[in-house]
Structure formats: C-alpha cells, structure tokens
C-alpha cells in the first residue's frame, strides 16, 4: 500500500510539472501531457461553447499527436468552476466538490452524447484514479493544465485513434 501511494505521489508530481505554464496576454498555455498524445497547447477558442442556452468561456485543447482539437467549456458555478471537455465522440466533466478537484461523469444538464456510448469509451481504472486530482486551490490556468495532462488517460486506447 505504501509503495502504491509513493508511486501515485511521484506521478502526480510529474504531471504537475507538465502543467506549470500560464495563459498570458492571449497567448497559449503549453506543456507536456506525458502521454501518447504528446505536448499540448490550450488557447481561448474563437467559437464559444453553448451549454444550456448559455454561452460559456471556451478553450481549444490541442495535442501534437492528435488531429482534432478538444473543446473545453468553463461553467462558473457558485463555489467552483466546472469544465466540460468535449469532442465529437466523447465528453467528460472536471469539477470541484468540497475543495476537491477531479473528474466525474458528465451531468445530464451538460450531456449531449448517449451515456452508454461514453461508458464504452471511458477507461474506468483511470477514471477512478482521477476522481481526486488536487485538494488545494488552483488558478484557472493551472486547472486547464491539469485537465490537459490527465484527460488523455480517460479514453480507452481502442478509441484514442479517433482523436
């Protein structure tokens, strides 16, 4: 158990190092996802995402080894920000609950794709390991960097080629 905790701590530390960049003056946030997707770039999107009839701040997440950008919409909740990560074939939600930031299955109010389709593409082991990513306050840029590092592991390898 101690060994697993130690390895998990090292992995989180390495991923945090990859997510240390900032979006400044409209420039891109860049880093290394330390996954097969490779280096990432996060930029403010020109085409905003509409969620529940409301236009939300939207980012484009691009990886060096993928062809299609991933859209990230940010919904400002009462105490936290909720990030909806969406492609044409996959969607997931990152949000906080009682100071804990992590992944969760997309709530029905944000859902656009069938639940069964998402469950088939979701890597359950990595999903459960990402339920708690951090427990301390992070800036929006830091949260986007964490999402860019963790997101690729949520998709089963069988479906990663479609990105």
Protein backbone atom coordinates (compact mmCIF):
# COMPACT_ATOMS: atom_id res chain seq x y z
CA UNK A 1 0.00 0.00 0.00
CA UNK A 2 2.82 2.39 0.86
CA UNK A 3 4.52 1.61 -2.45
CA UNK A 4 1.35 2.37 -4.41
CA UNK A 5 0.91 5.65 -2.54
CA UNK A 6 4.54 6.58 -3.21
CA UNK A 7 4.23 5.81 -6.94
CA UNK A 8 0.97 7.77 -7.15
CA UNK A 9 2.64 10.75 -5.44
CA UNK A 10 5.52 10.69 -7.91
CA UNK A 11 3.12 10.50 -10.88
CA UNK A 12 1.09 13.45 -9.60
CA UNK A 13 4.27 15.47 -9.06
CA UNK A 14 5.48 14.76 -12.60
CA UNK A 15 2.11 15.66 -14.11
CA UNK A 16 2.01 18.86 -12.09
CA UNK A 17 5.37 19.85 -13.55
CA UNK A 18 3.95 19.43 -17.05
CA UNK A 19 1.07 21.77 -16.17
CA UNK A 20 3.00 24.74 -14.86
CA UNK A 21 2.58 27.17 -17.78
CA UNK A 22 0.21 30.17 -17.88
CA UNK A 23 -2.03 31.78 -20.49
CA UNK A 24 -0.79 35.38 -20.63
CA UNK A 25 -1.95 38.23 -22.85
CA UNK A 26 -3.97 35.90 -25.10
CA UNK A 27 -1.00 33.59 -25.61
CA UNK A 28 -1.28 29.82 -25.41
CA UNK A 29 -0.78 27.59 -22.41
CA UNK A 30 1.67 24.85 -23.37
CA UNK A 31 3.14 21.83 -21.69
CA UNK A 32 3.78 18.11 -21.97
CA UNK A 33 0.94 15.74 -21.17
CA UNK A 34 3.40 12.88 -20.55
CA UNK A 35 1.03 10.64 -22.51
CA UNK A 36 0.86 9.26 -26.05
CA UNK A 37 -0.96 12.47 -27.07
CA UNK A 38 2.31 14.37 -26.52
CA UNK A 39 2.71 18.09 -25.96
CA UNK A 40 -0.41 20.20 -25.58
CA UNK A 41 -1.49 23.74 -26.34
CA UNK A 42 -4.51 25.43 -24.77
CA UNK A 43 -5.88 28.60 -26.36
CA UNK A 44 -9.04 30.64 -25.99
CA UNK A 45 -11.44 29.44 -28.67
CA UNK A 46 -12.93 31.74 -31.31
CA UNK A 47 -16.12 29.63 -31.32
CA UNK A 48 -17.71 29.61 -27.85
CA UNK A 49 -19.47 26.57 -26.47
CA UNK A 50 -23.17 26.90 -25.67
CA UNK A 51 -24.30 24.97 -22.61
CA UNK A 52 -27.96 25.03 -21.58
CA UNK A 53 -28.57 28.01 -23.85
CA UNK A 54 -25.75 30.00 -22.24
CA UNK A 55 -22.51 30.97 -23.98
CA UNK A 56 -19.56 29.95 -21.79
CA UNK A 57 -15.85 30.72 -21.93
CA UNK A 58 -14.34 28.12 -24.23
CA UNK A 59 -10.82 26.85 -24.83
CA UNK A 60 -9.32 24.66 -27.54
CA UNK A 61 -7.02 21.91 -26.31
CA UNK A 62 -4.69 20.57 -29.00
CA UNK A 63 -2.12 17.81 -28.71
CA UNK A 64 0.83 17.25 -31.04
CA UNK A 65 -0.15 13.64 -31.79
CA UNK A 66 -3.88 14.15 -32.40
CA UNK A 67 -5.69 15.61 -35.37
CA UNK A 68 -8.81 17.17 -33.87
CA UNK A 69 -8.88 19.86 -31.16
CA UNK A 70 -10.77 19.19 -27.96
CA UNK A 71 -13.11 21.89 -26.69
CA UNK A 72 -13.20 22.83 -23.03
CA UNK A 73 -16.10 24.93 -21.80
CA UNK A 74 -15.92 26.57 -18.40
CA UNK A 75 -19.12 26.98 -16.39
CA UNK A 76 -18.80 29.25 -13.36
CA UNK A 77 -20.63 27.54 -10.51
CA UNK A 78 -21.41 29.03 -7.12
CA UNK A 79 -18.20 27.91 -5.40
CA UNK A 80 -16.14 26.45 -8.21
CA UNK A 81 -15.54 26.20 -11.93
CA UNK A 82 -16.83 23.22 -13.88
CA UNK A 83 -15.00 22.28 -17.07
CA UNK A 84 -16.86 20.39 -19.79
CA UNK A 85 -14.34 18.58 -22.01
CA UNK A 86 -15.91 17.64 -25.32
CA UNK A 87 -15.08 16.17 -28.71
CA UNK A 88 -17.45 14.94 -31.41
CA UNK A 89 -17.32 11.44 -29.87
CA UNK A 90 -16.51 11.92 -26.17
CA UNK A 91 -17.38 14.19 -23.27
CA UNK A 92 -16.49 14.31 -19.60
CA UNK A 93 -16.61 16.82 -16.77
CA UNK A 94 -13.95 18.10 -14.37
CA UNK A 95 -15.23 19.98 -11.35
CA UNK A 96 -14.73 20.54 -7.67
CA UNK A 97 -16.72 19.33 -4.72
CA UNK A 98 -15.89 20.49 -1.20
CA UNK A 99 -12.46 21.73 -2.30
CA UNK A 100 -11.55 18.57 -4.23
CA UNK A 101 -10.93 18.93 -7.97
CA UNK A 102 -11.35 15.86 -10.14
CA UNK A 103 -13.20 14.12 -12.92
CA UNK A 104 -16.78 12.97 -12.85
CA UNK A 105 -19.19 11.60 -15.38
CA UNK A 106 -20.96 14.36 -17.19
CA UNK A 107 -24.10 15.59 -15.51
CA UNK A 108 -27.32 15.24 -17.50
CA UNK A 109 -27.68 19.04 -17.72
CA UNK A 110 -24.41 19.19 -19.73
CA UNK A 111 -24.73 15.89 -21.62
CA UNK A 112 -25.03 15.84 -25.41
CA UNK A 113 -23.92 12.27 -26.19
CA UNK A 114 -25.54 8.98 -25.09
CA UNK A 115 -24.39 7.75 -21.67
CA UNK A 116 -23.85 4.19 -22.95
CA UNK A 117 -21.51 5.48 -25.68
CA UNK A 118 -19.44 7.37 -23.09
CA UNK A 119 -19.26 4.39 -20.74
CA UNK A 120 -17.95 2.20 -23.58
CA UNK A 121 -15.10 4.64 -24.34
CA UNK A 122 -14.21 5.54 -20.75
CA UNK A 123 -11.17 3.89 -19.16
CA UNK A 124 -12.68 3.04 -15.78
CA UNK A 125 -9.37 2.47 -13.94
CA UNK A 126 -8.05 5.90 -14.90
CA UNK A 127 -11.45 7.45 -14.28
CA UNK A 128 -11.45 6.28 -10.67
CA UNK A 129 -7.83 7.31 -10.18
CA UNK A 130 -8.71 10.85 -11.36
CA UNK A 131 -11.66 11.37 -9.02
CA UNK A 132 -9.28 13.39 -6.84
CA UNK A 133 -6.61 15.28 -8.76
CA UNK A 134 -5.91 18.03 -6.23
CA UNK A 135 -7.28 19.28 -2.93
CA UNK A 136 -5.87 22.80 -2.84
CA UNK A 137 -6.99 25.97 -4.62
CA UNK A 138 -5.68 26.33 -8.19
CA UNK A 139 -5.93 29.08 -10.77
CA UNK A 140 -7.95 28.60 -13.96
CA UNK A 141 -4.73 28.18 -15.97
CA UNK A 142 -3.43 25.55 -13.57
CA UNK A 143 -6.71 23.65 -13.76
CA UNK A 144 -6.61 23.75 -17.57
CA UNK A 145 -3.05 22.39 -17.46
CA UNK A 146 -4.12 19.57 -15.16
CA UNK A 147 -7.02 18.71 -17.47
CA UNK A 148 -4.64 18.68 -20.47
CA UNK A 149 -2.34 16.25 -18.64
CA UNK A 150 -4.99 13.93 -17.24
CA UNK A 151 -7.62 13.84 -20.00
CA UNK A 152 -5.79 11.54 -22.48
CA UNK A 153 -5.79 8.69 -19.96
CA UNK A 154 -9.59 8.75 -19.65
CA UNK A 155 -10.15 7.46 -23.16
CA UNK A 156 -9.67 3.74 -23.75
CA UNK A 157 -6.74 3.01 -26.07
CA UNK A 158 -9.12 1.48 -28.63
CA UNK A 159 -10.73 4.88 -29.16
CA UNK A 160 -7.68 7.16 -28.90
CA UNK A 161 -7.02 6.88 -32.64
CA UNK A 162 -10.24 8.80 -33.33
CA UNK A 163 -8.76 11.89 -31.72
